[in-house]
N, C-alpha and C. Protein backbone atom coordinates (compact mmCIF):
# COMPACT_ATOMS: atom_id res chain seq x y z
N MET A 1 -111.50 117.05 -73.08
CA MET A 1 -111.22 116.51 -74.40
C MET A 1 -111.53 117.55 -75.47
N LEU A 2 -112.71 118.16 -75.37
CA LEU A 2 -113.10 119.17 -76.34
C LEU A 2 -112.17 120.37 -76.27
N GLN A 3 -111.80 120.72 -75.06
CA GLN A 3 -110.90 121.87 -74.88
C GLN A 3 -109.54 121.59 -75.51
N SER A 4 -109.05 120.36 -75.37
CA SER A 4 -107.74 120.05 -75.95
C SER A 4 -107.81 120.07 -77.49
N LEU A 5 -108.93 119.63 -78.06
CA LEU A 5 -109.10 119.71 -79.51
C LEU A 5 -109.16 121.16 -79.98
N LEU A 6 -109.84 122.02 -79.21
CA LEU A 6 -109.90 123.44 -79.55
C LEU A 6 -108.52 124.09 -79.45
N ASP A 7 -107.74 123.67 -78.46
CA ASP A 7 -106.38 124.21 -78.33
C ASP A 7 -105.51 123.80 -79.52
N ILE A 8 -105.63 122.53 -79.92
CA ILE A 8 -104.88 122.06 -81.10
C ILE A 8 -105.30 122.84 -82.34
N TRP A 9 -106.60 123.04 -82.50
CA TRP A 9 -107.11 123.80 -83.65
C TRP A 9 -106.55 125.21 -83.68
N GLU A 10 -106.55 125.89 -82.50
CA GLU A 10 -106.06 127.27 -82.44
C GLU A 10 -104.58 127.36 -82.77
N ARG A 11 -103.80 126.37 -82.34
CA ARG A 11 -102.36 126.42 -82.60
C ARG A 11 -102.01 126.01 -84.04
N HIS A 12 -102.80 125.12 -84.64
CA HIS A 12 -102.41 124.55 -85.93
C HIS A 12 -103.47 124.71 -87.02
N ASN A 13 -104.39 125.64 -86.86
CA ASN A 13 -105.48 125.75 -87.84
C ASN A 13 -104.98 126.07 -89.25
N ASP A 14 -103.94 126.87 -89.37
CA ASP A 14 -103.40 127.17 -90.70
C ASP A 14 -102.84 125.91 -91.37
N ASN A 15 -102.10 125.10 -90.61
CA ASN A 15 -101.53 123.87 -91.17
C ASN A 15 -102.61 122.86 -91.52
N ILE A 16 -103.63 122.75 -90.66
CA ILE A 16 -104.71 121.80 -90.91
C ILE A 16 -105.49 122.22 -92.16
N LEU A 17 -105.82 123.50 -92.27
CA LEU A 17 -106.54 123.97 -93.45
C LEU A 17 -105.71 123.80 -94.71
N SER A 18 -104.43 124.06 -94.62
CA SER A 18 -103.56 123.87 -95.78
C SER A 18 -103.53 122.41 -96.21
N LEU A 19 -103.44 121.49 -95.26
CA LEU A 19 -103.43 120.07 -95.57
C LEU A 19 -104.76 119.63 -96.19
N VAL A 20 -105.87 120.10 -95.64
CA VAL A 20 -107.19 119.75 -96.18
C VAL A 20 -107.33 120.26 -97.61
N ILE A 21 -106.87 121.47 -97.87
CA ILE A 21 -106.93 122.03 -99.23
C ILE A 21 -106.08 121.19 -100.19
N LYS A 22 -104.89 120.79 -99.74
CA LYS A 22 -104.03 119.95 -100.58
C LYS A 22 -104.68 118.61 -100.88
N ILE A 23 -105.34 118.03 -99.89
CA ILE A 23 -106.02 116.75 -100.09
C ILE A 23 -107.17 116.90 -101.07
N ILE A 24 -107.94 117.99 -100.93
CA ILE A 24 -109.07 118.23 -101.83
C ILE A 24 -108.56 118.44 -103.26
N ILE A 25 -107.50 119.22 -103.43
CA ILE A 25 -106.93 119.45 -104.75
C ILE A 25 -106.42 118.13 -105.35
N SER A 26 -105.81 117.27 -104.51
CA SER A 26 -105.33 115.97 -104.98
C SER A 26 -106.49 115.10 -105.46
N ILE A 27 -107.59 115.10 -104.72
CA ILE A 27 -108.76 114.32 -105.12
C ILE A 27 -109.31 114.84 -106.44
N VAL A 28 -109.33 116.16 -106.60
CA VAL A 28 -109.81 116.75 -107.85
C VAL A 28 -108.89 116.36 -109.01
N ILE A 29 -107.59 116.37 -108.79
CA ILE A 29 -106.64 115.98 -109.83
C ILE A 29 -106.86 114.52 -110.23
N ILE A 30 -107.05 113.65 -109.24
CA ILE A 30 -107.30 112.24 -109.54
C ILE A 30 -108.59 112.08 -110.33
N ALA A 31 -109.64 112.78 -109.91
CA ALA A 31 -110.93 112.69 -110.60
C ALA A 31 -110.81 113.17 -112.05
N ILE A 32 -110.13 114.28 -112.24
CA ILE A 32 -109.94 114.81 -113.60
C ILE A 32 -109.09 113.85 -114.43
N GLY A 33 -108.05 113.27 -113.82
CA GLY A 33 -107.22 112.29 -114.53
C GLY A 33 -108.00 111.07 -114.96
N VAL A 34 -108.85 110.55 -114.08
CA VAL A 34 -109.69 109.39 -114.42
C VAL A 34 -110.67 109.76 -115.52
N PHE A 35 -111.27 110.96 -115.42
CA PHE A 35 -112.22 111.42 -116.43
C PHE A 35 -111.55 111.55 -117.79
N ILE A 36 -110.39 112.17 -117.83
CA ILE A 36 -109.67 112.35 -119.10
C ILE A 36 -109.23 111.00 -119.66
N SER A 37 -108.72 110.11 -118.80
CA SER A 37 -108.28 108.80 -119.24
C SER A 37 -109.43 108.00 -119.83
N ARG A 38 -110.57 108.00 -119.17
CA ARG A 38 -111.74 107.28 -119.69
C ARG A 38 -112.24 107.91 -120.98
N GLY A 39 -112.20 109.24 -121.05
CA GLY A 39 -112.63 109.92 -122.27
C GLY A 39 -111.75 109.56 -123.46
N PHE A 40 -110.43 109.58 -123.25
CA PHE A 40 -109.52 109.19 -124.32
C PHE A 40 -109.72 107.73 -124.71
N ASN A 41 -109.94 106.87 -123.70
CA ASN A 41 -110.15 105.46 -123.98
C ASN A 41 -111.38 105.26 -124.86
N LYS A 42 -112.49 105.91 -124.51
CA LYS A 42 -113.71 105.80 -125.31
C LYS A 42 -113.50 106.37 -126.71
N LEU A 43 -112.82 107.52 -126.79
CA LEU A 43 -112.57 108.15 -128.07
C LEU A 43 -111.72 107.26 -128.97
N LEU A 44 -110.67 106.67 -128.41
CA LEU A 44 -109.80 105.81 -129.19
C LEU A 44 -110.49 104.52 -129.61
N LYS A 45 -111.33 103.96 -128.72
CA LYS A 45 -112.08 102.76 -129.10
C LYS A 45 -113.06 103.06 -130.22
N LYS A 46 -113.71 104.23 -130.13
CA LYS A 46 -114.66 104.62 -131.17
C LYS A 46 -113.95 104.81 -132.51
N ALA A 47 -112.80 105.48 -132.48
CA ALA A 47 -112.04 105.70 -133.71
C ALA A 47 -111.55 104.38 -134.28
N GLU A 48 -111.16 103.47 -133.41
CA GLU A 48 -110.68 102.16 -133.87
C GLU A 48 -111.81 101.36 -134.51
N GLU A 49 -113.00 101.43 -133.92
CA GLU A 49 -114.14 100.71 -134.48
C GLU A 49 -114.58 101.30 -135.82
N GLU A 50 -114.55 102.63 -135.92
CA GLU A 50 -115.01 103.28 -137.14
C GLU A 50 -114.06 103.04 -138.31
N LYS A 51 -112.79 103.24 -138.08
CA LYS A 51 -111.84 103.17 -139.19
C LYS A 51 -111.18 101.80 -139.29
N ASN A 52 -110.83 101.23 -138.13
CA ASN A 52 -110.11 99.96 -138.08
C ASN A 52 -108.95 99.94 -139.08
N LYS A 53 -108.40 101.13 -139.31
CA LYS A 53 -107.32 101.27 -140.29
C LYS A 53 -105.99 100.78 -139.73
N ALA A 54 -105.69 101.22 -138.51
CA ALA A 54 -104.40 100.86 -137.93
C ALA A 54 -104.43 99.49 -137.28
N GLY A 55 -105.61 98.94 -137.09
CA GLY A 55 -105.71 97.61 -136.51
C GLY A 55 -105.85 97.65 -135.00
N HIS A 56 -106.12 96.47 -134.45
CA HIS A 56 -106.36 96.34 -133.02
C HIS A 56 -105.12 96.67 -132.20
N SER A 57 -103.94 96.29 -132.65
CA SER A 57 -102.72 96.49 -131.89
C SER A 57 -102.44 97.95 -131.63
N ALA A 58 -102.57 98.78 -132.65
CA ALA A 58 -102.27 100.20 -132.49
C ALA A 58 -103.20 100.85 -131.49
N GLY A 59 -104.48 100.51 -131.53
CA GLY A 59 -105.44 101.08 -130.60
C GLY A 59 -105.15 100.71 -129.17
N SER A 60 -104.84 99.45 -128.92
CA SER A 60 -104.57 99.02 -127.55
C SER A 60 -103.26 99.61 -127.04
N ILE A 61 -102.27 99.71 -127.90
CA ILE A 61 -101.01 100.32 -127.51
C ILE A 61 -101.23 101.78 -127.12
N LEU A 62 -101.95 102.50 -127.95
CA LEU A 62 -102.19 103.91 -127.71
C LEU A 62 -103.02 104.12 -126.44
N ARG A 63 -103.99 103.25 -126.21
CA ARG A 63 -104.82 103.38 -125.00
C ARG A 63 -103.98 103.20 -123.74
N TYR A 64 -103.09 102.20 -123.74
CA TYR A 64 -102.24 101.98 -122.57
C TYR A 64 -101.26 103.13 -122.36
N VAL A 65 -100.69 103.62 -123.42
CA VAL A 65 -99.75 104.75 -123.30
C VAL A 65 -100.45 105.97 -122.72
N VAL A 66 -101.65 106.28 -123.22
CA VAL A 66 -102.40 107.43 -122.72
C VAL A 66 -102.80 107.21 -121.27
N LYS A 67 -103.29 106.03 -120.94
CA LYS A 67 -103.74 105.74 -119.58
C LYS A 67 -102.60 105.92 -118.57
N TYR A 68 -101.48 105.27 -118.84
CA TYR A 68 -100.37 105.36 -117.89
C TYR A 68 -99.67 106.71 -117.93
N GLY A 69 -99.67 107.36 -119.06
CA GLY A 69 -99.11 108.72 -119.14
C GLY A 69 -99.90 109.70 -118.28
N ILE A 70 -101.22 109.63 -118.36
CA ILE A 70 -102.07 110.49 -117.53
C ILE A 70 -101.88 110.16 -116.06
N PHE A 71 -101.78 108.87 -115.73
CA PHE A 71 -101.57 108.44 -114.35
C PHE A 71 -100.26 109.02 -113.80
N ILE A 72 -99.18 108.94 -114.57
CA ILE A 72 -97.89 109.45 -114.11
C ILE A 72 -97.93 110.96 -113.94
N VAL A 73 -98.56 111.68 -114.86
CA VAL A 73 -98.67 113.14 -114.74
C VAL A 73 -99.45 113.51 -113.49
N CYS A 74 -100.54 112.80 -113.21
CA CYS A 74 -101.35 113.08 -112.01
C CYS A 74 -100.54 112.85 -110.74
N ILE A 75 -99.80 111.76 -110.68
CA ILE A 75 -98.98 111.46 -109.49
C ILE A 75 -97.92 112.55 -109.28
N ILE A 76 -97.28 112.97 -110.36
CA ILE A 76 -96.26 114.02 -110.24
C ILE A 76 -96.88 115.33 -109.78
N MET A 77 -98.06 115.66 -110.30
CA MET A 77 -98.74 116.89 -109.86
C MET A 77 -99.10 116.83 -108.37
N ILE A 78 -99.57 115.68 -107.92
CA ILE A 78 -99.94 115.53 -106.50
C ILE A 78 -98.70 115.61 -105.62
N LEU A 79 -97.63 114.96 -106.02
CA LEU A 79 -96.40 115.05 -105.24
C LEU A 79 -95.90 116.49 -105.17
N ASN A 80 -96.02 117.22 -106.27
CA ASN A 80 -95.61 118.62 -106.30
C ASN A 80 -96.45 119.46 -105.33
N ILE A 81 -97.75 119.18 -105.25
CA ILE A 81 -98.63 119.91 -104.34
C ILE A 81 -98.21 119.69 -102.89
N PHE A 82 -97.78 118.47 -102.55
CA PHE A 82 -97.38 118.17 -101.18
C PHE A 82 -95.93 118.54 -100.89
N GLY A 83 -95.26 119.19 -101.83
CA GLY A 83 -93.93 119.74 -101.57
C GLY A 83 -92.77 118.83 -101.91
N VAL A 84 -93.03 117.72 -102.58
CA VAL A 84 -91.94 116.83 -102.98
C VAL A 84 -91.23 117.47 -104.16
N ASN A 85 -89.90 117.43 -104.15
CA ASN A 85 -89.11 118.00 -105.23
C ASN A 85 -89.23 117.10 -106.46
N THR A 86 -90.16 117.44 -107.34
CA THR A 86 -90.42 116.59 -108.51
C THR A 86 -89.35 116.73 -109.58
N THR A 87 -88.58 117.78 -109.54
CA THR A 87 -87.50 117.94 -110.52
C THR A 87 -86.48 116.83 -110.38
N SER A 88 -86.04 116.59 -109.16
CA SER A 88 -85.07 115.51 -108.96
C SER A 88 -85.71 114.14 -109.20
N LEU A 89 -86.99 114.00 -108.87
CA LEU A 89 -87.69 112.76 -109.14
C LEU A 89 -87.74 112.48 -110.63
N LEU A 90 -88.05 113.51 -111.43
CA LEU A 90 -88.08 113.33 -112.88
C LEU A 90 -86.70 113.00 -113.43
N ALA A 91 -85.66 113.59 -112.85
CA ALA A 91 -84.29 113.29 -113.29
C ALA A 91 -83.95 111.83 -112.99
N VAL A 92 -84.34 111.34 -111.82
CA VAL A 92 -84.09 109.95 -111.45
C VAL A 92 -84.88 109.01 -112.37
N LEU A 93 -86.16 109.35 -112.64
CA LEU A 93 -86.97 108.53 -113.54
C LEU A 93 -86.38 108.51 -114.95
N GLY A 94 -85.87 109.66 -115.39
CA GLY A 94 -85.24 109.73 -116.71
C GLY A 94 -84.00 108.86 -116.79
N ALA A 95 -83.16 108.92 -115.76
CA ALA A 95 -81.96 108.09 -115.73
C ALA A 95 -82.32 106.61 -115.67
N ALA A 96 -83.33 106.27 -114.87
CA ALA A 96 -83.77 104.88 -114.79
C ALA A 96 -84.33 104.43 -116.14
N GLY A 97 -85.08 105.29 -116.79
CA GLY A 97 -85.61 104.97 -118.12
C GLY A 97 -84.51 104.73 -119.13
N LEU A 98 -83.48 105.55 -119.07
CA LEU A 98 -82.34 105.37 -119.97
C LEU A 98 -81.63 104.05 -119.71
N ALA A 99 -81.42 103.72 -118.44
CA ALA A 99 -80.76 102.46 -118.09
C ALA A 99 -81.60 101.27 -118.55
N ILE A 100 -82.90 101.34 -118.32
CA ILE A 100 -83.78 100.25 -118.75
C ILE A 100 -83.79 100.17 -120.28
N GLY A 101 -83.80 101.32 -120.94
CA GLY A 101 -83.80 101.35 -122.40
C GLY A 101 -82.55 100.71 -122.98
N LEU A 102 -81.40 100.98 -122.37
CA LEU A 102 -80.16 100.37 -122.85
C LEU A 102 -80.14 98.87 -122.58
N ALA A 103 -80.68 98.47 -121.44
CA ALA A 103 -80.71 97.04 -121.11
C ALA A 103 -81.66 96.27 -122.02
N LEU A 104 -82.72 96.92 -122.45
CA LEU A 104 -83.74 96.25 -123.26
C LEU A 104 -83.77 96.76 -124.69
N LYS A 105 -82.61 97.14 -125.23
CA LYS A 105 -82.60 97.79 -126.55
C LYS A 105 -83.18 96.90 -127.64
N ASN A 106 -82.91 95.61 -127.62
CA ASN A 106 -83.47 94.74 -128.66
C ASN A 106 -84.99 94.62 -128.52
N THR A 107 -85.44 94.47 -127.28
CA THR A 107 -86.88 94.38 -127.04
C THR A 107 -87.57 95.68 -127.43
N LEU A 108 -86.97 96.80 -127.04
CA LEU A 108 -87.55 98.10 -127.39
C LEU A 108 -87.49 98.33 -128.90
N GLY A 109 -86.46 97.80 -129.55
CA GLY A 109 -86.39 97.88 -131.01
C GLY A 109 -87.54 97.13 -131.66
N ASN A 110 -87.88 95.97 -131.10
CA ASN A 110 -89.02 95.21 -131.62
C ASN A 110 -90.33 95.96 -131.38
N ILE A 111 -90.45 96.58 -130.22
CA ILE A 111 -91.66 97.35 -129.92
C ILE A 111 -91.79 98.54 -130.88
N ALA A 112 -90.69 99.28 -131.04
CA ALA A 112 -90.72 100.44 -131.95
C ALA A 112 -91.03 99.99 -133.38
N SER A 113 -90.41 98.90 -133.80
CA SER A 113 -90.69 98.39 -135.15
C SER A 113 -92.15 97.97 -135.28
N GLY A 114 -92.68 97.33 -134.24
CA GLY A 114 -94.08 96.92 -134.27
C GLY A 114 -95.03 98.09 -134.38
N ILE A 115 -94.73 99.14 -133.61
CA ILE A 115 -95.58 100.34 -133.66
C ILE A 115 -95.51 100.97 -135.05
N ILE A 116 -94.32 101.07 -135.60
CA ILE A 116 -94.16 101.66 -136.94
C ILE A 116 -94.89 100.82 -137.99
N LEU A 117 -94.71 99.51 -137.93
CA LEU A 117 -95.37 98.63 -138.90
C LEU A 117 -96.89 98.72 -138.81
N VAL A 118 -97.41 98.80 -137.59
CA VAL A 118 -98.87 98.89 -137.42
C VAL A 118 -99.39 100.22 -137.93
N PHE A 119 -98.72 101.31 -137.59
CA PHE A 119 -99.21 102.62 -138.00
C PHE A 119 -99.01 102.88 -139.50
N LEU A 120 -97.94 102.36 -140.07
CA LEU A 120 -97.75 102.54 -141.51
C LEU A 120 -98.69 101.65 -142.30
N GLY A 121 -99.16 100.58 -141.69
CA GLY A 121 -100.09 99.69 -142.37
C GLY A 121 -99.45 98.94 -143.53
N SER A 122 -98.17 98.59 -143.38
CA SER A 122 -97.48 97.85 -144.44
C SER A 122 -98.17 96.53 -144.72
N TYR A 123 -98.74 95.94 -143.72
CA TYR A 123 -99.51 94.71 -143.87
C TYR A 123 -100.51 94.62 -142.73
N ARG A 124 -101.54 93.83 -142.96
CA ARG A 124 -102.60 93.64 -141.97
C ARG A 124 -102.84 92.15 -141.79
N SER A 125 -103.57 91.82 -140.78
CA SER A 125 -103.93 90.44 -140.53
C SER A 125 -104.70 89.89 -141.74
N GLY A 126 -104.32 88.70 -142.17
CA GLY A 126 -104.98 88.06 -143.30
C GLY A 126 -104.26 88.26 -144.62
N GLU A 127 -103.28 89.13 -144.68
CA GLU A 127 -102.55 89.37 -145.94
C GLU A 127 -101.34 88.43 -146.04
N PHE A 128 -100.98 88.10 -147.27
CA PHE A 128 -99.82 87.24 -147.54
C PHE A 128 -98.61 88.13 -147.79
N ILE A 129 -97.58 87.98 -146.94
CA ILE A 129 -96.38 88.82 -147.07
C ILE A 129 -95.14 87.93 -147.22
N GLU A 130 -94.08 88.59 -147.69
CA GLU A 130 -92.80 87.92 -147.85
C GLU A 130 -91.71 88.92 -147.48
N PHE A 131 -90.78 88.48 -146.64
CA PHE A 131 -89.62 89.29 -146.29
C PHE A 131 -88.44 88.35 -146.09
N GLY A 132 -87.32 88.72 -146.67
CA GLY A 132 -86.16 87.83 -146.63
C GLY A 132 -86.52 86.48 -147.22
N ALA A 133 -86.25 85.41 -146.50
CA ALA A 133 -86.57 84.07 -146.97
C ALA A 133 -87.87 83.55 -146.37
N VAL A 134 -88.62 84.41 -145.69
CA VAL A 134 -89.83 84.02 -144.98
C VAL A 134 -91.05 84.55 -145.71
N SER A 135 -92.09 83.71 -145.83
CA SER A 135 -93.34 84.16 -146.41
C SER A 135 -94.49 83.42 -145.72
N GLY A 136 -95.64 84.08 -145.65
CA GLY A 136 -96.80 83.46 -145.04
C GLY A 136 -97.93 84.45 -144.88
N THR A 137 -99.06 83.95 -144.41
CA THR A 137 -100.24 84.78 -144.17
C THR A 137 -100.17 85.32 -142.76
N VAL A 138 -100.37 86.62 -142.60
CA VAL A 138 -100.29 87.27 -141.29
C VAL A 138 -101.49 86.84 -140.46
N LYS A 139 -101.22 86.29 -139.28
CA LYS A 139 -102.28 85.88 -138.37
C LYS A 139 -102.48 86.91 -137.26
N ASP A 140 -101.38 87.51 -136.81
CA ASP A 140 -101.47 88.49 -135.72
C ASP A 140 -100.25 89.39 -135.76
N ILE A 141 -100.47 90.64 -135.39
CA ILE A 141 -99.38 91.61 -135.25
C ILE A 141 -99.46 92.12 -133.81
N ASN A 142 -98.40 91.93 -133.03
CA ASN A 142 -98.40 92.47 -131.67
C ASN A 142 -97.16 93.32 -131.47
N LEU A 143 -96.93 93.73 -130.25
CA LEU A 143 -95.82 94.65 -129.99
C LEU A 143 -94.46 94.07 -130.35
N PHE A 144 -94.25 92.79 -130.09
CA PHE A 144 -92.93 92.22 -130.24
C PHE A 144 -92.75 91.44 -131.54
N THR A 145 -93.78 90.74 -131.96
CA THR A 145 -93.64 89.83 -133.09
C THR A 145 -94.83 89.92 -134.04
N THR A 146 -94.62 89.38 -135.23
CA THR A 146 -95.70 89.16 -136.18
C THR A 146 -95.82 87.65 -136.35
N ILE A 147 -97.03 87.16 -136.22
CA ILE A 147 -97.29 85.72 -136.33
C ILE A 147 -97.76 85.43 -137.76
N LEU A 148 -97.08 84.50 -138.41
CA LEU A 148 -97.41 84.12 -139.78
C LEU A 148 -97.75 82.63 -139.82
N GLU A 149 -98.50 82.26 -140.86
CA GLU A 149 -98.74 80.84 -141.14
C GLU A 149 -98.40 80.61 -142.60
N THR A 150 -97.51 79.66 -142.83
CA THR A 150 -97.10 79.37 -144.20
C THR A 150 -98.21 78.62 -144.92
N SER A 151 -98.05 78.46 -146.24
CA SER A 151 -99.08 77.78 -147.04
C SER A 151 -99.22 76.32 -146.65
N ASP A 152 -98.17 75.73 -146.07
CA ASP A 152 -98.27 74.34 -145.61
C ASP A 152 -98.59 74.23 -144.12
N GLY A 153 -99.06 75.34 -143.50
CA GLY A 153 -99.56 75.33 -142.13
C GLY A 153 -98.52 75.46 -141.04
N ILE A 154 -97.32 75.89 -141.36
CA ILE A 154 -96.28 76.06 -140.35
C ILE A 154 -96.43 77.42 -139.67
N TYR A 155 -96.32 77.42 -138.36
CA TYR A 155 -96.42 78.63 -137.54
C TYR A 155 -95.06 79.31 -137.51
N ILE A 156 -95.04 80.62 -137.81
CA ILE A 156 -93.80 81.39 -137.77
C ILE A 156 -94.03 82.62 -136.90
N SER A 157 -93.12 82.83 -135.94
CA SER A 157 -93.15 84.02 -135.11
C SER A 157 -91.90 84.83 -135.45
N ALA A 158 -92.09 85.97 -136.11
CA ALA A 158 -90.95 86.77 -136.57
C ALA A 158 -90.86 88.06 -135.74
N PRO A 159 -89.69 88.37 -135.18
CA PRO A 159 -89.53 89.64 -134.47
C PRO A 159 -89.79 90.82 -135.42
N ASN A 160 -90.49 91.82 -134.92
CA ASN A 160 -90.85 92.95 -135.77
C ASN A 160 -89.63 93.69 -136.33
N SER A 161 -88.54 93.72 -135.57
CA SER A 161 -87.35 94.43 -136.06
C SER A 161 -86.75 93.71 -137.28
N CYS A 162 -86.92 92.39 -137.38
CA CYS A 162 -86.45 91.65 -138.56
C CYS A 162 -87.28 92.00 -139.78
N ILE A 163 -88.56 92.21 -139.59
CA ILE A 163 -89.44 92.55 -140.71
C ILE A 163 -89.18 93.99 -141.15
N TRP A 164 -89.01 94.88 -140.19
CA TRP A 164 -88.81 96.29 -140.50
C TRP A 164 -87.48 96.52 -141.20
N GLY A 165 -86.49 95.68 -140.91
CA GLY A 165 -85.14 95.91 -141.43
C GLY A 165 -84.88 95.37 -142.82
N VAL A 166 -85.86 94.72 -143.46
CA VAL A 166 -85.64 94.16 -144.79
C VAL A 166 -86.79 94.58 -145.72
N PRO A 167 -86.55 94.50 -147.04
CA PRO A 167 -87.66 94.81 -147.96
C PRO A 167 -88.82 93.84 -147.75
N LEU A 168 -90.02 94.37 -147.83
CA LEU A 168 -91.22 93.59 -147.57
C LEU A 168 -92.07 93.53 -148.83
N LYS A 169 -92.49 92.33 -149.18
CA LYS A 169 -93.39 92.16 -150.32
C LYS A 169 -94.76 91.79 -149.76
N ASN A 170 -95.76 92.57 -150.12
CA ASN A 170 -97.13 92.28 -149.71
C ASN A 170 -97.86 91.79 -150.96
N HIS A 171 -98.10 90.49 -151.03
CA HIS A 171 -98.72 89.88 -152.21
C HIS A 171 -100.22 90.12 -152.26
N SER A 172 -100.82 90.59 -151.18
CA SER A 172 -102.27 90.77 -151.12
C SER A 172 -102.71 92.15 -151.57
N ARG A 173 -101.80 93.07 -151.75
CA ARG A 173 -102.15 94.44 -152.14
C ARG A 173 -101.86 94.66 -153.61
N ASN A 174 -102.54 95.66 -154.17
CA ASN A 174 -102.30 96.11 -155.54
C ASN A 174 -102.35 94.96 -156.54
N LYS A 175 -103.34 94.12 -156.42
CA LYS A 175 -103.46 92.98 -157.35
C LYS A 175 -103.73 93.52 -158.75
N LYS A 176 -102.97 93.06 -159.67
CA LYS A 176 -103.10 93.46 -161.08
C LYS A 176 -103.67 92.29 -161.87
N GLY A 177 -104.55 92.58 -162.81
CA GLY A 177 -105.11 91.53 -163.67
C GLY A 177 -104.07 91.04 -164.67
N ALA A 178 -104.21 89.78 -165.07
CA ALA A 178 -103.23 89.21 -165.99
C ALA A 178 -103.48 89.62 -167.41
């Protein structure tokens, strides 16, 4: 048994060592990816707590984008180390992303509008806004919709793209004395 293992080692030691090195490098890449992801997560949470300027939605969106972006980069690097043609993989992922983007254009439009509205800070939770024929106090801003409550207690869920596409009046800002 020992002799057969030694024979296998002598015939394939270069391949075995190469595989072990690739596995070790992959583990290091994963560890570095987790470390960077956690570091960015802590940094973004700290910045969100200190400034709270962009609001809760922007911080959580950014954390998820960074987390999954780092994860995808690590996976592609590991596949590249093991000899997978990542160029064609990236082309396939790009084409799939384009197809998904076209299929979900309205949803993605709401997401993009939500991100823009949150980062521009046109309104925040608790402020009274008016757009088109709709007005109310902002209760929540998320990726797809803004939740409002009218003065008579009616719940309104407005798609972010509808808010972004029309003039917005924020009655809670720039209050002037009479």
